[in-house]
Amino acid sequence: MAGKKGQKKRFWSDEEKVSICAQTCAPGVSVAQVARRYAMNTNLIHKWLSDPKFAPDPEIIEDEVGETPCFLPVEIVERPVTEEPGPARAANAASAHSAIEIDIAGGHQLRIVGGYDPEALARLIRGLSA
């Protein structure tokens, strides 16, 4: 078996395969996101999705999703600007209200609120992914 040394091949039950395939049909969810959630290769999920035994039924998916997506009407209104925030003020306001959530393989979830050092964050993610 190809893979990391000492890593055993996982076997997925039919129920698990159906459940994993169904998760790919949720609105806004990609196959890659589901694959990362289970620390598996996206090709395996695509293989299961092409098998009618595991692929979700399109009629059931349409019922669960609901209406077909459509554009909503938008009205653009011009408003007078009272005060132009300075660059430092805008950066502080954005960092005070910004949040990042990252799902990492292996079940780790990282949530960062406020400002952060991108290089330190990259090192932390690499450490958790190893």
Protein backbone atom coordinates (compact mmCIF):
# COMPACT_ATOMS: atom_id res chain seq x y z
CA MET A 1 0.00 0.00 0.00
CA ALA A 2 1.30 3.44 -0.89
CA GLY A 3 1.30 6.03 1.83
CA LYS A 4 3.14 7.04 4.95
CA LYS A 5 5.23 4.41 6.70
CA GLY A 6 3.30 2.69 9.47
CA GLN A 7 -0.05 4.01 8.25
CA LYS A 8 -2.73 1.34 7.94
CA LYS A 9 -5.36 1.30 5.23
CA ARG A 10 -8.75 2.43 6.50
CA PHE A 11 -11.90 0.56 5.58
CA TRP A 12 -15.13 2.52 5.31
CA SER A 13 -18.50 0.84 5.84
CA ASP A 14 -21.23 1.38 3.25
CA GLU A 15 -23.14 3.56 5.73
CA GLU A 16 -20.07 5.76 6.27
CA LYS A 17 -19.57 6.10 2.51
CA VAL A 18 -23.20 7.14 2.00
CA SER A 19 -22.94 9.64 4.87
CA ILE A 20 -19.70 11.15 3.55
CA CYS A 21 -21.10 11.42 0.01
CA ALA A 22 -24.27 13.08 1.32
CA GLN A 23 -22.19 15.76 3.08
CA THR A 24 -20.79 16.88 -0.28
CA CYS A 25 -24.28 17.94 -1.40
CA ALA A 26 -24.82 20.50 1.35
CA PRO A 27 -24.98 24.08 0.05
CA GLY A 28 -21.58 25.77 0.11
CA VAL A 29 -19.68 22.56 0.92
CA SER A 30 -17.03 21.22 -1.46
CA VAL A 31 -15.71 17.68 -1.85
CA ALA A 32 -12.30 18.97 -0.74
CA GLN A 33 -13.75 20.30 2.53
CA VAL A 34 -15.39 16.95 3.29
CA ALA A 35 -12.17 15.11 2.40
CA ARG A 36 -10.16 17.30 4.80
CA ARG A 37 -12.74 16.68 7.52
CA TYR A 38 -12.03 12.94 7.28
CA ALA A 39 -8.29 13.25 6.41
CA MET A 40 -8.79 11.46 3.11
CA ASN A 41 -8.09 12.03 -0.58
CA THR A 42 -10.75 13.78 -2.66
CA ASN A 43 -10.33 11.18 -5.42
CA LEU A 44 -11.77 8.52 -3.12
CA ILE A 45 -14.91 10.56 -2.49
CA HIS A 46 -15.28 11.25 -6.22
CA LYS A 47 -15.00 7.49 -6.82
CA TRP A 48 -17.78 6.85 -4.29
CA LEU A 49 -19.93 9.62 -5.80
CA SER A 50 -19.73 7.95 -9.21
CA ASP A 51 -21.01 4.69 -7.70
CA PRO A 52 -24.86 4.67 -7.58
CA LYS A 53 -24.66 2.55 -4.43
CA PHE A 54 -23.18 5.46 -2.44
CA ALA A 55 -24.14 8.58 -4.41
CA PRO A 56 -27.00 10.59 -2.90
CA ASP A 57 -30.36 10.47 -4.69
CA PRO A 58 -30.77 13.74 -6.68
CA GLU A 59 -34.51 13.96 -5.89
CA ILE A 60 -33.88 13.77 -2.14
CA ILE A 61 -31.15 16.40 -2.39
CA GLU A 62 -33.46 18.81 -4.24
CA ASP A 63 -36.12 18.37 -1.55
CA GLU A 64 -33.61 19.04 1.25
CA VAL A 65 -31.96 22.01 -0.44
CA GLY A 66 -35.29 23.66 -1.22
CA GLU A 67 -35.72 26.31 -3.85
CA THR A 68 -33.41 26.82 -6.77
CA PRO A 69 -30.90 29.59 -6.07
CA CYS A 70 -31.80 32.91 -7.66
CA PHE A 71 -30.70 36.53 -7.62
CA LEU A 72 -32.38 38.86 -5.15
CA PRO A 73 -33.32 42.42 -6.04
CA VAL A 74 -30.82 45.01 -4.84
CA GLU A 75 -31.31 48.74 -4.52
CA ILE A 76 -28.24 50.96 -4.46
CA VAL A 77 -28.76 54.15 -2.49
CA GLU A 78 -26.28 57.01 -2.35
CA ARG A 79 -25.62 58.22 1.20
CA PRO A 80 -23.51 61.21 2.22
CA VAL A 81 -20.21 60.35 3.88
CA THR A 82 -19.92 62.01 7.28
CA GLU A 83 -16.34 61.17 8.21
CA GLU A 84 -13.61 59.36 6.32
CA PRO A 85 -11.83 56.95 8.69
CA GLY A 86 -8.03 57.10 8.61
CA PRO A 87 -6.04 54.00 7.56
CA ALA A 88 -4.95 53.16 11.12
CA ARG A 89 -8.49 53.57 12.41
CA ALA A 90 -9.94 51.34 9.68
CA ALA A 91 -7.31 48.64 10.29
CA ASN A 92 -8.01 48.61 14.03
CA ALA A 93 -11.76 48.45 13.47
CA ALA A 94 -11.38 45.59 10.99
CA SER A 95 -9.03 43.59 13.22
CA ALA A 96 -11.26 44.05 16.25
CA HIS A 97 -14.20 42.46 14.43
CA SER A 98 -12.42 39.97 12.16
CA ALA A 99 -12.39 36.24 12.84
CA ILE A 100 -10.92 33.28 10.98
CA GLU A 101 -11.94 29.64 11.41
CA ILE A 102 -9.76 26.92 9.88
CA ASP A 103 -10.58 23.18 9.86
CA ILE A 104 -7.41 21.11 9.75
CA ALA A 105 -7.13 17.39 8.94
CA GLY A 106 -7.19 15.24 12.05
CA GLY A 107 -10.18 17.01 13.58
CA HIS A 108 -8.32 20.15 14.69
CA GLN A 109 -10.15 23.45 14.42
CA LEU A 110 -8.39 26.78 14.72
CA ARG A 111 -10.31 30.01 15.50
CA ILE A 112 -8.52 33.34 15.49
CA VAL A 113 -10.22 36.58 16.53
CA GLY A 114 -8.63 39.98 15.96
CA GLY A 115 -5.17 40.62 14.54
CA TYR A 116 -2.59 37.88 13.91
CA ASP A 117 0.88 37.34 12.47
CA PRO A 118 0.47 35.44 9.15
CA GLU A 119 3.89 33.76 9.42
CA ALA A 120 3.22 32.53 12.96
CA LEU A 121 -0.20 31.29 11.87
CA ALA A 122 1.35 29.37 8.95
CA ARG A 123 3.87 27.72 11.33
CA LEU A 124 1.07 26.77 13.72
CA ILE A 125 -1.02 25.21 10.93
CA ARG A 126 2.00 23.25 9.66
CA GLY A 127 2.64 21.99 13.19
CA LEU A 128 -0.96 20.88 13.71
CA SER A 129 -1.11 19.23 10.27
CA ALA A 130 2.05 17.16 10.83
